[in-house]
Amino acid sequence: STVDLVLASPGIANRIVYYQIYKIDYRSNHRAIESRFNVSLTKVKPKEGRYLFKDAD
């Protein structure tokens, strides 16, 4: 038998809210794992581009 593992960094592991192993049999020796994390996304304003004339040929 083969052991399935889930690896995560400490930062994301601390944000886990929910996880479960699916009970549906997909005719495989592996099981699907559903995971939900507490993360917030922030919209980052793009930096205003500048031409580097000193580096031009």
PDB file of N, CA and C in Angstrom:
ATOM      1  N   SER A   1       0.842  -1.183   0.000  1.00  0.00           N
ATOM      2  CA  SER A   1       0.000   0.000   0.000  1.00  0.00           C
ATOM      3  C   SER A   1       0.882   1.238   0.000  1.00  0.00           C
ATOM      4  N   THR A   2       0.360   2.325  -0.538  1.00  0.00           N
ATOM      5  CA  THR A   2       1.090   3.582  -0.653  1.00  0.00           C
ATOM      6  C   THR A   2       0.449   4.625   0.252  1.00  0.00           C
ATOM      7  N   VAL A   3       1.255   5.384   0.952  1.00  0.00           N
ATOM      8  CA  VAL A   3       0.766   6.448   1.820  1.00  0.00           C
ATOM      9  C   VAL A   3       0.735   7.743   1.023  1.00  0.00           C
ATOM     10  N   ASP A   4      -0.422   8.422   1.004  1.00  0.00           N
ATOM     11  CA  ASP A   4      -0.532   9.727   0.361  1.00  0.00           C
ATOM     12  C   ASP A   4      -0.250  10.802   1.400  1.00  0.00           C
ATOM     13  N   LEU A   5       0.544  11.786   1.024  1.00  0.00           N
ATOM     14  CA  LEU A   5       0.915  12.866   1.934  1.00  0.00           C
ATOM     15  C   LEU A   5       0.483  14.204   1.366  1.00  0.00           C
ATOM     16  N   VAL A   6       0.206  15.143   2.252  1.00  0.00           N
ATOM     17  CA  VAL A   6      -0.041  16.530   1.878  1.00  0.00           C
ATOM     18  C   VAL A   6       1.006  17.356   2.591  1.00  0.00           C
ATOM     19  N   LEU A   7       1.783  18.126   1.830  1.00  0.00           N
ATOM     20  CA  LEU A   7       2.831  18.966   2.400  1.00  0.00           C
ATOM     21  C   LEU A   7       2.436  20.427   2.255  1.00  0.00           C
ATOM     22  N   ALA A   8       2.755  21.232   3.262  1.00  0.00           N
ATOM     23  CA  ALA A   8       2.450  22.660   3.224  1.00  0.00           C
ATOM     24  C   ALA A   8       3.491  23.410   4.031  1.00  0.00           C
ATOM     25  N   SER A   9       3.718  24.655   3.636  1.00  0.00           N
ATOM     26  CA  SER A   9       4.636  25.499   4.394  1.00  0.00           C
ATOM     27  C   SER A   9       3.973  25.878   5.719  1.00  0.00           C
ATOM     28  N   PRO A  10       4.762  26.250   6.730  1.00  0.00           N
ATOM     29  CA  PRO A  10       4.164  26.645   8.015  1.00  0.00           C
ATOM     30  C   PRO A  10       3.193  27.820   7.872  1.00  0.00           C
ATOM     31  N   GLY A  11       3.483  28.737   6.953  1.00  0.00           N
ATOM     32  CA  GLY A  11       2.605  29.897   6.775  1.00  0.00           C
ATOM     33  C   GLY A  11       1.212  29.515   6.319  1.00  0.00           C
ATOM     34  N   ILE A  12       1.114  28.616   5.359  1.00  0.00           N
ATOM     35  CA  ILE A  12      -0.205  28.206   4.867  1.00  0.00           C
ATOM     36  C   ILE A  12      -0.837  27.173   5.795  1.00  0.00           C
ATOM     37  N   ALA A  13      -0.033  26.374   6.451  1.00  0.00           N
ATOM     38  CA  ALA A  13      -0.578  25.369   7.376  1.00  0.00           C
ATOM     39  C   ALA A  13      -1.318  26.039   8.530  1.00  0.00           C
ATOM     40  N   ASN A  14      -0.864  27.211   8.952  1.00  0.00           N
ATOM     41  CA  ASN A  14      -1.531  27.936  10.037  1.00  0.00           C
ATOM     42  C   ASN A  14      -2.854  28.540   9.600  1.00  0.00           C
ATOM     43  N   ARG A  15      -3.114  28.577   8.297  1.00  0.00           N
ATOM     44  CA  ARG A  15      -4.338  29.190   7.781  1.00  0.00           C
ATOM     45  C   ARG A  15      -5.401  28.168   7.380  1.00  0.00           C
ATOM     46  N   ILE A  16      -5.172  26.897   7.659  1.00  0.00           N
ATOM     47  CA  ILE A  16      -6.149  25.873   7.276  1.00  0.00           C
ATOM     48  C   ILE A  16      -7.427  26.046   8.083  1.00  0.00           C
ATOM     49  N   VAL A  17      -8.548  26.041   7.403  1.00  0.00           N
ATOM     50  CA  VAL A  17      -9.853  26.193   8.038  1.00  0.00           C
ATOM     51  C   VAL A  17     -10.591  24.859   8.054  1.00  0.00           C
ATOM     52  N   TYR A  18     -10.441  24.101   6.982  1.00  0.00           N
ATOM     53  CA  TYR A  18     -11.225  22.881   6.827  1.00  0.00           C
ATOM     54  C   TYR A  18     -10.493  21.946   5.884  1.00  0.00           C
ATOM     55  N   TYR A  19     -10.593  20.668   6.141  1.00  0.00           N
ATOM     56  CA  TYR A  19     -10.100  19.676   5.189  1.00  0.00           C
ATOM     57  C   TYR A  19     -10.873  18.381   5.378  1.00  0.00           C
ATOM     58  N   GLN A  20     -10.981  17.633   4.311  1.00  0.00           N
ATOM     59  CA  GLN A  20     -11.623  16.324   4.395  1.00  0.00           C
ATOM     60  C   GLN A  20     -11.117  15.449   3.262  1.00  0.00           C
ATOM     61  N   ILE A  21     -11.147  14.176   3.487  1.00  0.00           N
ATOM     62  CA  ILE A  21     -10.828  13.204   2.450  1.00  0.00           C
ATOM     63  C   ILE A  21     -12.147  12.788   1.818  1.00  0.00           C
ATOM     64  N   TYR A  22     -12.248  12.920   0.493  1.00  0.00           N
ATOM     65  CA  TYR A  22     -13.478  12.530  -0.196  1.00  0.00           C
ATOM     66  C   TYR A  22     -13.733  11.046  -0.029  1.00  0.00           C
ATOM     67  N   LYS A  23     -14.973  10.721   0.207  1.00  0.00           N
ATOM     68  CA  LYS A  23     -15.350   9.319   0.368  1.00  0.00           C
ATOM     69  C   LYS A  23     -15.758   8.683  -0.958  1.00  0.00           C
ATOM     70  N   ILE A  24     -15.867   9.493  -2.008  1.00  0.00           N
ATOM     71  CA  ILE A  24     -16.244   8.977  -3.325  1.00  0.00           C
ATOM     72  C   ILE A  24     -15.089   8.158  -3.887  1.00  0.00           C
ATOM     73  N   ASP A  25     -15.406   6.988  -4.376  1.00  0.00           N
ATOM     74  CA  ASP A  25     -14.385   6.108  -4.943  1.00  0.00           C
ATOM     75  C   ASP A  25     -14.241   6.407  -6.429  1.00  0.00           C
ATOM     76  N   TYR A  26     -13.084   6.885  -6.835  1.00  0.00           N
ATOM     77  CA  TYR A  26     -12.817   7.183  -8.240  1.00  0.00           C
ATOM     78  C   TYR A  26     -12.063   6.039  -8.912  1.00  0.00           C
ATOM     79  N   ARG A  27     -12.167   4.851  -8.349  1.00  0.00           N
ATOM     80  CA  ARG A  27     -11.505   3.652  -8.872  1.00  0.00           C
ATOM     81  C   ARG A  27      -9.990   3.843  -8.942  1.00  0.00           C
ATOM     82  N   SER A  28      -9.452   4.409  -7.887  1.00  0.00           N
ATOM     83  CA  SER A  28      -8.020   4.649  -7.781  1.00  0.00           C
ATOM     84  C   SER A  28      -7.584   4.289  -6.366  1.00  0.00           C
ATOM     85  N   ASN A  29      -6.302   4.055  -6.187  1.00  0.00           N
ATOM     86  CA  ASN A  29      -5.812   3.794  -4.834  1.00  0.00           C
ATOM     87  C   ASN A  29      -5.424   5.092  -4.127  1.00  0.00           C
ATOM     88  N   HIS A  30      -5.770   6.242  -4.727  1.00  0.00           N
ATOM     89  CA  HIS A  30      -5.546   7.554  -4.118  1.00  0.00           C
ATOM     90  C   HIS A  30      -6.899   8.182  -3.804  1.00  0.00           C
ATOM     91  N   ARG A  31      -6.937   9.048  -2.834  1.00  0.00           N
ATOM     92  CA  ARG A  31      -8.163   9.759  -2.469  1.00  0.00           C
ATOM     93  C   ARG A  31      -7.964  11.252  -2.669  1.00  0.00           C
ATOM     94  N   ALA A  32      -9.010  11.917  -3.130  1.00  0.00           N
ATOM     95  CA  ALA A  32      -8.971  13.372  -3.282  1.00  0.00           C
ATOM     96  C   ALA A  32      -9.121  14.017  -1.905  1.00  0.00           C
ATOM     97  N   ILE A  33      -8.404  15.118  -1.694  1.00  0.00           N
ATOM     98  CA  ILE A  33      -8.461  15.843  -0.426  1.00  0.00           C
ATOM     99  C   ILE A  33      -8.920  17.265  -0.710  1.00  0.00           C
ATOM    100  N   GLU A  34      -9.996  17.681  -0.053  1.00  0.00           N
ATOM    101  CA  GLU A  34     -10.486  19.053  -0.173  1.00  0.00           C
ATOM    102  C   GLU A  34      -9.895  19.863   0.969  1.00  0.00           C
ATOM    103  N   SER A  35      -9.352  21.030   0.649  1.00  0.00           N
ATOM    104  CA  SER A  35      -8.759  21.909   1.665  1.00  0.00           C
ATOM    105  C   SER A  35      -9.284  23.323   1.479  1.00  0.00           C
ATOM    106  N   ARG A  36      -9.545  23.997   2.572  1.00  0.00           N
ATOM    107  CA  ARG A  36      -9.945  25.409   2.546  1.00  0.00           C
ATOM    108  C   ARG A  36      -9.027  26.171   3.491  1.00  0.00           C
ATOM    109  N   PHE A  37      -8.594  27.337   3.022  1.00  0.00           N
ATOM    110  CA  PHE A  37      -7.651  28.149   3.781  1.00  0.00           C
ATOM    111  C   PHE A  37      -8.222  29.538   4.008  1.00  0.00           C
ATOM    112  N   ASN A  38      -7.850  30.157   5.107  1.00  0.00           N
ATOM    113  CA  ASN A  38      -8.238  31.527   5.418  1.00  0.00           C
ATOM    114  C   ASN A  38      -7.174  32.453   4.835  1.00  0.00           C
ATOM    115  N   VAL A  39      -7.443  32.963   3.651  1.00  0.00           N
ATOM    116  CA  VAL A  39      -6.512  33.883   3.006  1.00  0.00           C
ATOM    117  C   VAL A  39      -7.288  35.099   2.526  1.00  0.00           C
ATOM    118  N   SER A  40      -6.647  36.232   2.533  1.00  0.00           N
ATOM    119  CA  SER A  40      -7.259  37.439   1.997  1.00  0.00           C
ATOM    120  C   SER A  40      -6.365  37.963   0.886  1.00  0.00           C
ATOM    121  N   LEU A  41      -6.996  38.425  -0.160  1.00  0.00           N
ATOM    122  CA  LEU A  41      -6.264  38.949  -1.305  1.00  0.00           C
ATOM    123  C   LEU A  41      -6.387  40.463  -1.321  1.00  0.00           C
ATOM    124  N   THR A  42      -5.312  41.127  -1.587  1.00  0.00           N
ATOM    125  CA  THR A  42      -5.336  42.575  -1.698  1.00  0.00           C
ATOM    126  C   THR A  42      -4.946  42.962  -3.115  1.00  0.00           C
ATOM    127  N   LYS A  43      -5.624  43.960  -3.626  1.00  0.00           N
ATOM    128  CA  LYS A  43      -5.333  44.433  -4.967  1.00  0.00           C
ATOM    129  C   LYS A  43      -4.128  45.364  -4.892  1.00  0.00           C
ATOM    130  N   VAL A  44      -3.112  45.040  -5.649  1.00  0.00           N
ATOM    131  CA  VAL A  44      -1.879  45.823  -5.646  1.00  0.00           C
ATOM    132  C   VAL A  44      -1.889  46.745  -6.850  1.00  0.00           C
ATOM    133  N   LYS A  45      -1.654  48.027  -6.602  1.00  0.00           N
ATOM    134  CA  LYS A  45      -1.603  48.999  -7.687  1.00  0.00           C
ATOM    135  C   LYS A  45      -0.292  48.795  -8.446  1.00  0.00           C
ATOM    136  N   PRO A  46      -0.377  48.631  -9.771  1.00  0.00           N
ATOM    137  CA  PRO A  46       0.865  48.427 -10.533  1.00  0.00           C
ATOM    138  C   PRO A  46       1.759  49.658 -10.466  1.00  0.00           C
ATOM    139  N   LYS A  47       3.050  49.410 -10.450  1.00  0.00           N
ATOM    140  CA  LYS A  47       3.996  50.518 -10.426  1.00  0.00           C
ATOM    141  C   LYS A  47       3.988  51.228 -11.770  1.00  0.00           C
ATOM    142  N   GLU A  48       4.168  52.533 -11.711  1.00  0.00           N
ATOM    143  CA  GLU A  48       4.230  53.316 -12.940  1.00  0.00           C
ATOM    144  C   GLU A  48       5.586  53.063 -13.588  1.00  0.00           C
ATOM    145  N   GLY A  49       5.551  52.644 -14.845  1.00  0.00           N
ATOM    146  CA  GLY A  49       6.788  52.319 -15.544  1.00  0.00           C
ATOM    147  C   GLY A  49       7.584  53.564 -15.920  1.00  0.00           C
ATOM    148  N   ARG A  50       8.888  53.414 -15.960  1.00  0.00           N
ATOM    149  CA  ARG A  50       9.765  54.497 -16.398  1.00  0.00           C
ATOM    150  C   ARG A  50      10.739  53.928 -17.409  1.00  0.00           C
ATOM    151  N   TYR A  51      11.021  54.721 -18.406  1.00  0.00           N
ATOM    152  CA  TYR A  51      11.997  54.308 -19.411  1.00  0.00           C
ATOM    153  C   TYR A  51      13.405  54.502 -18.864  1.00  0.00           C
ATOM    154  N   LEU A  52      14.281  53.589 -19.172  1.00  0.00           N
ATOM    155  CA  LEU A  52      15.673  53.678 -18.752  1.00  0.00           C
ATOM    156  C   LEU A  52      16.505  54.144 -19.948  1.00  0.00           C
ATOM    157  N   PHE A  53      16.418  55.441 -20.231  1.00  0.00           N
ATOM    158  CA  PHE A  53      17.125  55.987 -21.389  1.00  0.00           C
ATOM    159  C   PHE A  53      18.635  55.815 -21.268  1.00  0.00           C
ATOM    160  N   LYS A  54      19.152  55.837 -20.063  1.00  0.00           N
ATOM    161  CA  LYS A  54      20.602  55.713 -19.891  1.00  0.00           C
ATOM    162  C   LYS A  54      21.101  54.326 -20.300  1.00  0.00           C
ATOM    163  N   ASP A  55      20.212  53.311 -20.298  1.00  0.00           N
ATOM    164  CA  ASP A  55      20.602  51.957 -20.679  1.00  0.00           C
ATOM    165  C   ASP A  55      20.355  51.657 -22.157  1.00  0.00           C
ATOM    166  N   ALA A  56      19.779  52.612 -22.888  1.00  0.00           N
ATOM    167  CA  ALA A  56      19.473  52.388 -24.311  1.00  0.00           C
ATOM    168  C   ALA A  56      20.742  52.499 -25.152  1.00  0.00           C
ATOM    169  N   ASP A  57      20.757  51.776 -26.272  1.00  0.00           N
ATOM    170  CA  ASP A  57      21.900  51.848 -27.199  1.00  0.00           C
ATOM    171  C   ASP A  57      21.851  53.114 -28.016  1.00  0.00           C
TER     172      ASP A  57
END
